[in-house]
Amino acid sequence: TQSNQHRENTYPQIRMVCHMELTSHQLINSAFSGYRTNEMVLAEDLIETTPDHSLTLFDKGYYSLGLL
């Protein structure tokens, strides 16, 4: 059972990271795992599918030079 600072949750939760095409907002690819998995780990799975010479924008939490 998942929990937070207020109570236990009775429904399953996942953590999901997505590639999204900026102008159409179409999801290109995604990686997901259990809620306790770090987003940086999931983002590493998507690096292989990032097109060469593409402009990639990261959210402020993705500060790792290892992703570049």
PDB file of N, CA and C in Angstrom:
ATOM      1  N   THR A   1       0.843  -1.184   0.000  1.00  0.00           N
ATOM      2  CA  THR A   1       0.000   0.000   0.000  1.00  0.00           C
ATOM      3  C   THR A   1       0.882   1.239   0.000  1.00  0.00           C
ATOM      4  N   GLN A   2       0.574   2.187  -0.857  1.00  0.00           N
ATOM      5  CA  GLN A   2       1.284   3.460  -0.894  1.00  0.00           C
ATOM      6  C   GLN A   2       0.783   4.356   0.230  1.00  0.00           C
ATOM      7  N   SER A   3       1.603   5.304   0.639  1.00  0.00           N
ATOM      8  CA  SER A   3       1.164   6.240   1.671  1.00  0.00           C
ATOM      9  C   SER A   3       1.796   7.600   1.426  1.00  0.00           C
ATOM     10  N   ASN A   4       1.236   8.607   2.058  1.00  0.00           N
ATOM     11  CA  ASN A   4       1.808   9.945   2.053  1.00  0.00           C
ATOM     12  C   ASN A   4       1.778  10.473   3.478  1.00  0.00           C
ATOM     13  N   GLN A   5       2.022  11.768   3.659  1.00  0.00           N
ATOM     14  CA  GLN A   5       2.080  12.318   5.007  1.00  0.00           C
ATOM     15  C   GLN A   5       0.718  12.352   5.696  1.00  0.00           C
ATOM     16  N   HIS A   6      -0.369  12.164   4.957  1.00  0.00           N
ATOM     17  CA  HIS A   6      -1.708  12.255   5.540  1.00  0.00           C
ATOM     18  C   HIS A   6      -2.330  10.893   5.839  1.00  0.00           C
ATOM     19  N   ARG A   7      -2.175   9.955   4.907  1.00  0.00           N
ATOM     20  CA  ARG A   7      -2.818   8.651   5.095  1.00  0.00           C
ATOM     21  C   ARG A   7      -2.305   7.662   4.048  1.00  0.00           C
ATOM     22  N   GLU A   8      -2.707   6.418   4.201  1.00  0.00           N
ATOM     23  CA  GLU A   8      -2.370   5.408   3.206  1.00  0.00           C
ATOM     24  C   GLU A   8      -3.342   5.490   2.035  1.00  0.00           C
ATOM     25  N   ASN A   9      -2.832   5.261   0.834  1.00  0.00           N
ATOM     26  CA  ASN A   9      -3.676   5.227  -0.360  1.00  0.00           C
ATOM     27  C   ASN A   9      -4.106   3.794  -0.614  1.00  0.00           C
ATOM     28  N   THR A  10      -5.323   3.612  -1.055  1.00  0.00           N
ATOM     29  CA  THR A  10      -5.835   2.264  -1.302  1.00  0.00           C
ATOM     30  C   THR A  10      -5.842   1.912  -2.782  1.00  0.00           C
ATOM     31  N   TYR A  11      -5.243   2.712  -3.620  1.00  0.00           N
ATOM     32  CA  TYR A  11      -5.216   2.445  -5.053  1.00  0.00           C
ATOM     33  C   TYR A  11      -3.758   2.452  -5.524  1.00  0.00           C
ATOM     34  N   PRO A  12      -3.424   1.684  -6.557  1.00  0.00           N
ATOM     35  CA  PRO A  12      -2.040   1.631  -7.044  1.00  0.00           C
ATOM     36  C   PRO A  12      -1.637   2.940  -7.717  1.00  0.00           C
ATOM     37  N   GLN A  13      -0.367   3.276  -7.595  1.00  0.00           N
ATOM     38  CA  GLN A  13       0.165   4.480  -8.220  1.00  0.00           C
ATOM     39  C   GLN A  13       1.402   4.115  -9.023  1.00  0.00           C
ATOM     40  N   ILE A  14       1.643   4.867 -10.108  1.00  0.00           N
ATOM     41  CA  ILE A  14       2.846   4.688 -10.909  1.00  0.00           C
ATOM     42  C   ILE A  14       3.532   6.035 -11.073  1.00  0.00           C
ATOM     43  N   ARG A  15       4.787   5.984 -11.456  1.00  0.00           N
ATOM     44  CA  ARG A  15       5.513   7.185 -11.844  1.00  0.00           C
ATOM     45  C   ARG A  15       5.787   7.033 -13.330  1.00  0.00           C
ATOM     46  N   MET A  16       5.511   8.086 -14.099  1.00  0.00           N
ATOM     47  CA  MET A  16       5.624   8.012 -15.555  1.00  0.00           C
ATOM     48  C   MET A  16       6.354   9.241 -16.072  1.00  0.00           C
ATOM     49  N   VAL A  17       7.277   9.018 -17.000  1.00  0.00           N
ATOM     50  CA  VAL A  17       8.024  10.086 -17.658  1.00  0.00           C
ATOM     51  C   VAL A  17       7.766   9.944 -19.150  1.00  0.00           C
ATOM     52  N   CYS A  18       7.510  11.062 -19.839  1.00  0.00           N
ATOM     53  CA  CYS A  18       7.123  11.006 -21.253  1.00  0.00           C
ATOM     54  C   CYS A  18       7.956  11.936 -22.117  1.00  0.00           C
ATOM     55  N   HIS A  19       8.129  11.527 -23.376  1.00  0.00           N
ATOM     56  CA  HIS A  19       8.576  12.420 -24.444  1.00  0.00           C
ATOM     57  C   HIS A  19       7.318  12.980 -25.083  1.00  0.00           C
ATOM     58  N   MET A  20       7.261  14.279 -25.284  1.00  0.00           N
ATOM     59  CA  MET A  20       6.095  14.878 -25.910  1.00  0.00           C
ATOM     60  C   MET A  20       6.553  15.810 -27.025  1.00  0.00           C
ATOM     61  N   GLU A  21       5.905  15.717 -28.170  1.00  0.00           N
ATOM     62  CA  GLU A  21       6.174  16.633 -29.278  1.00  0.00           C
ATOM     63  C   GLU A  21       5.539  17.965 -28.907  1.00  0.00           C
ATOM     64  N   LEU A  22       6.332  19.021 -28.943  1.00  0.00           N
ATOM     65  CA  LEU A  22       5.927  20.295 -28.353  1.00  0.00           C
ATOM     66  C   LEU A  22       4.741  20.961 -29.044  1.00  0.00           C
ATOM     67  N   THR A  23       4.705  20.977 -30.360  1.00  0.00           N
ATOM     68  CA  THR A  23       3.634  21.722 -31.033  1.00  0.00           C
ATOM     69  C   THR A  23       2.303  20.984 -31.053  1.00  0.00           C
ATOM     70  N   SER A  24       2.345  19.653 -31.172  1.00  0.00           N
ATOM     71  CA  SER A  24       1.090  18.893 -31.228  1.00  0.00           C
ATOM     72  C   SER A  24       0.685  18.311 -29.870  1.00  0.00           C
ATOM     73  N   HIS A  25       1.611  18.328 -28.917  1.00  0.00           N
ATOM     74  CA  HIS A  25       1.410  17.724 -27.588  1.00  0.00           C
ATOM     75  C   HIS A  25       1.180  16.217 -27.664  1.00  0.00           C
ATOM     76  N   GLN A  26       1.620  15.608 -28.738  1.00  0.00           N
ATOM     77  CA  GLN A  26       1.498  14.163 -28.894  1.00  0.00           C
ATOM     78  C   GLN A  26       2.608  13.481 -28.100  1.00  0.00           C
ATOM     79  N   LEU A  27       2.234  12.440 -27.332  1.00  0.00           N
ATOM     80  CA  LEU A  27       3.234  11.670 -26.597  1.00  0.00           C
ATOM     81  C   LEU A  27       3.972  10.763 -27.570  1.00  0.00           C
ATOM     82  N   ILE A  28       5.285  10.866 -27.583  1.00  0.00           N
ATOM     83  CA  ILE A  28       6.122  10.098 -28.497  1.00  0.00           C
ATOM     84  C   ILE A  28       6.566   8.781 -27.860  1.00  0.00           C
ATOM     85  N   ASN A  29       6.930   8.838 -26.590  1.00  0.00           N
ATOM     86  CA  ASN A  29       7.405   7.657 -25.881  1.00  0.00           C
ATOM     87  C   ASN A  29       7.206   7.883 -24.391  1.00  0.00           C
ATOM     88  N   SER A  30       7.184   6.807 -23.628  1.00  0.00           N
ATOM     89  CA  SER A  30       7.045   6.947 -22.176  1.00  0.00           C
ATOM     90  C   SER A  30       7.742   5.791 -21.473  1.00  0.00           C
ATOM     91  N   ALA A  31       8.067   6.024 -20.226  1.00  0.00           N
ATOM     92  CA  ALA A  31       8.625   4.989 -19.354  1.00  0.00           C
ATOM     93  C   ALA A  31       7.897   5.104 -18.029  1.00  0.00           C
ATOM     94  N   PHE A  32       7.527   3.974 -17.460  1.00  0.00           N
ATOM     95  CA  PHE A  32       6.861   4.030 -16.164  1.00  0.00           C
ATOM     96  C   PHE A  32       7.274   2.860 -15.294  1.00  0.00           C
ATOM     97  N   SER A  33       7.123   3.083 -13.998  1.00  0.00           N
ATOM     98  CA  SER A  33       7.498   2.074 -13.013  1.00  0.00           C
ATOM     99  C   SER A  33       6.716   2.361 -11.744  1.00  0.00           C
ATOM    100  N   GLY A  34       7.098   1.728 -10.662  1.00  0.00           N
ATOM    101  CA  GLY A  34       6.437   1.947  -9.386  1.00  0.00           C
ATOM    102  C   GLY A  34       6.610   3.375  -8.894  1.00  0.00           C
ATOM    103  N   TYR A  35       5.738   3.778  -8.024  1.00  0.00           N
ATOM    104  CA  TYR A  35       5.710   5.155  -7.541  1.00  0.00           C
ATOM    105  C   TYR A  35       7.015   5.573  -6.866  1.00  0.00           C
ATOM    106  N   ARG A  36       7.705   4.650  -6.256  1.00  0.00           N
ATOM    107  CA  ARG A  36       8.928   4.987  -5.529  1.00  0.00           C
ATOM    108  C   ARG A  36      10.158   5.096  -6.439  1.00  0.00           C
ATOM    109  N   THR A  37      10.027   4.788  -7.721  1.00  0.00           N
ATOM    110  CA  THR A  37      11.139   4.892  -8.664  1.00  0.00           C
ATOM    111  C   THR A  37      11.421   6.353  -8.973  1.00  0.00           C
ATOM    112  N   ASN A  38      12.683   6.721  -8.975  1.00  0.00           N
ATOM    113  CA  ASN A  38      13.098   8.093  -9.248  1.00  0.00           C
ATOM    114  C   ASN A  38      12.849   8.449 -10.718  1.00  0.00           C
ATOM    115  N   GLU A  39      12.367   9.666 -10.977  1.00  0.00           N
ATOM    116  CA  GLU A  39      12.108  10.116 -12.353  1.00  0.00           C
ATOM    117  C   GLU A  39      13.378  10.147 -13.191  1.00  0.00           C
ATOM    118  N   MET A  40      14.516  10.420 -12.569  1.00  0.00           N
ATOM    119  CA  MET A  40      15.770  10.463 -13.317  1.00  0.00           C
ATOM    120  C   MET A  40      16.108   9.085 -13.887  1.00  0.00           C
ATOM    121  N   VAL A  41      15.805   8.038 -13.161  1.00  0.00           N
ATOM    122  CA  VAL A  41      16.039   6.671 -13.647  1.00  0.00           C
ATOM    123  C   VAL A  41      15.164   6.403 -14.866  1.00  0.00           C
ATOM    124  N   LEU A  42      13.911   6.820 -14.804  1.00  0.00           N
ATOM    125  CA  LEU A  42      13.006   6.622 -15.937  1.00  0.00           C
ATOM    126  C   LEU A  42      13.430   7.467 -17.134  1.00  0.00           C
ATOM    127  N   ALA A  43      13.901   8.679 -16.886  1.00  0.00           N
ATOM    128  CA  ALA A  43      14.346   9.549 -17.977  1.00  0.00           C
ATOM    129  C   ALA A  43      15.531   8.934 -18.715  1.00  0.00           C
ATOM    130  N   GLU A  44      16.406   8.254 -17.992  1.00  0.00           N
ATOM    131  CA  GLU A  44      17.546   7.595 -18.633  1.00  0.00           C
ATOM    132  C   GLU A  44      17.081   6.557 -19.652  1.00  0.00           C
ATOM    133  N   ASP A  45      15.965   5.907 -19.383  1.00  0.00           N
ATOM    134  CA  ASP A  45      15.423   4.923 -20.325  1.00  0.00           C
ATOM    135  C   ASP A  45      14.969   5.572 -21.628  1.00  0.00           C
ATOM    136  N   LEU A  46      14.580   6.838 -21.578  1.00  0.00           N
ATOM    137  CA  LEU A  46      14.081   7.522 -22.774  1.00  0.00           C
ATOM    138  C   LEU A  46      15.191   8.155 -23.614  1.00  0.00           C
ATOM    139  N   ILE A  47      16.369   8.306 -23.055  1.00  0.00           N
ATOM    140  CA  ILE A  47      17.463   8.952 -23.784  1.00  0.00           C
ATOM    141  C   ILE A  47      17.771   8.211 -25.086  1.00  0.00           C
ATOM    142  N   GLU A  48      17.727   6.901 -25.050  1.00  0.00           N
ATOM    143  CA  GLU A  48      18.046   6.103 -26.246  1.00  0.00           C
ATOM    144  C   GLU A  48      17.095   6.380 -27.400  1.00  0.00           C
ATOM    145  N   THR A  49      15.868   6.793 -27.115  1.00  0.00           N
ATOM    146  CA  THR A  49      14.887   7.031 -28.175  1.00  0.00           C
ATOM    147  C   THR A  49      14.796   8.500 -28.573  1.00  0.00           C
ATOM    148  N   THR A  50      15.614   9.350 -27.969  1.00  0.00           N
ATOM    149  CA  THR A  50      15.616  10.766 -28.331  1.00  0.00           C
ATOM    150  C   THR A  50      16.311  10.928 -29.680  1.00  0.00           C
ATOM    151  N   PRO A  51      15.657  11.561 -30.650  1.00  0.00           N
ATOM    152  CA  PRO A  51      16.279  11.722 -31.970  1.00  0.00           C
ATOM    153  C   PRO A  51      17.561  12.554 -31.897  1.00  0.00           C
ATOM    154  N   ASP A  52      18.550  12.182 -32.695  1.00  0.00           N
ATOM    155  CA  ASP A  52      19.777  12.971 -32.786  1.00  0.00           C
ATOM    156  C   ASP A  52      19.451  14.366 -33.298  1.00  0.00           C
ATOM    157  N   HIS A  53      20.182  15.348 -32.832  1.00  0.00           N
ATOM    158  CA  HIS A  53      20.065  16.741 -33.265  1.00  0.00           C
ATOM    159  C   HIS A  53      18.685  17.330 -32.975  1.00  0.00           C
ATOM    160  N   SER A  54      18.013  16.815 -31.967  1.00  0.00           N
ATOM    161  CA  SER A  54      16.713  17.379 -31.599  1.00  0.00           C
ATOM    162  C   SER A  54      16.899  18.372 -30.455  1.00  0.00           C
ATOM    163  N   LEU A  55      15.997  19.312 -30.362  1.00  0.00           N
ATOM    164  CA  LEU A  55      15.980  20.252 -29.244  1.00  0.00           C
ATOM    165  C   LEU A  55      15.146  19.610 -28.145  1.00  0.00           C
ATOM    166  N   THR A  56      15.772  19.332 -27.028  1.00  0.00           N
ATOM    167  CA  THR A  56      15.092  18.657 -25.929  1.00  0.00           C
ATOM    168  C   THR A  56      15.008  19.599 -24.743  1.00  0.00           C
ATOM    169  N   LEU A  57      13.798  19.835 -24.265  1.00  0.00           N
ATOM    170  CA  LEU A  57      13.574  20.690 -23.101  1.00  0.00           C
ATOM    171  C   LEU A  57      13.311  19.808 -21.894  1.00  0.00           C
ATOM    172  N   PHE A  58      13.989  20.106 -20.800  1.00  0.00           N
ATOM    173  CA  PHE A  58      13.807  19.350 -19.565  1.00  0.00           C
ATOM    174  C   PHE A  58      13.085  20.209 -18.543  1.00  0.00           C
ATOM    175  N   ASP A  59      12.295  19.587 -17.713  1.00  0.00           N
ATOM    176  CA  ASP A  59      11.680  20.258 -16.581  1.00  0.00           C
ATOM    177  C   ASP A  59      12.784  20.648 -15.602  1.00  0.00           C
ATOM    178  N   LYS A  60      12.495  21.561 -14.694  1.00  0.00           N
ATOM    179  CA  LYS A  60      13.527  22.078 -13.794  1.00  0.00           C
ATOM    180  C   LYS A  60      14.152  21.005 -12.905  1.00  0.00           C
ATOM    181  N   GLY A  61      13.492  19.897 -12.682  1.00  0.00           N
ATOM    182  CA  GLY A  61      14.043  18.847 -11.842  1.00  0.00           C
ATOM    183  C   GLY A  61      15.089  17.982 -12.522  1.00  0.00           C
ATOM    184  N   TYR A  62      15.254  18.118 -13.829  1.00  0.00           N
ATOM    185  CA  TYR A  62      16.196  17.290 -14.585  1.00  0.00           C
ATOM    186  C   TYR A  62      17.491  18.068 -14.796  1.00  0.00           C
ATOM    187  N   TYR A  63      18.309  18.094 -13.773  1.00  0.00           N
ATOM    188  CA  TYR A  63      19.518  18.905 -13.780  1.00  0.00           C
ATOM    189  C   TYR A  63      20.781  18.089 -14.026  1.00  0.00           C
ATOM    190  N   SER A  64      20.668  16.815 -14.290  1.00  0.00           N
ATOM    191  CA  SER A  64      21.823  15.937 -14.405  1.00  0.00           C
ATOM    192  C   SER A  64      22.500  16.077 -15.763  1.00  0.00           C
ATOM    193  N   LEU A  65      23.784  16.351 -15.745  1.00  0.00           N
ATOM    194  CA  LEU A  65      24.534  16.387 -17.001  1.00  0.00           C
ATOM    195  C   LEU A  65      24.633  15.004 -17.619  1.00  0.00           C
ATOM    196  N   GLY A  66      24.413  13.978 -16.839  1.00  0.00           N
ATOM    197  CA  GLY A  66      24.441  12.620 -17.360  1.00  0.00           C
ATOM    198  C   GLY A  66      23.345  12.352 -18.371  1.00  0.00           C
ATOM    199  N   LEU A  67      22.295  13.163 -18.365  1.00  0.00           N
ATOM    200  CA  LEU A  67      21.213  12.986 -19.335  1.00  0.00           C
ATOM    201  C   LEU A  67      21.530  13.618 -20.676  1.00  0.00           C
ATOM    202  N   LEU A  68      22.500  14.500 -20.712  1.00  0.00           N
ATOM    203  CA  LEU A  68      22.794  15.210 -21.963  1.00  0.00           C
ATOM    204  C   LEU A  68      23.702  14.417 -22.872  1.00  0.00           C
TER     205      LEU A  68
END
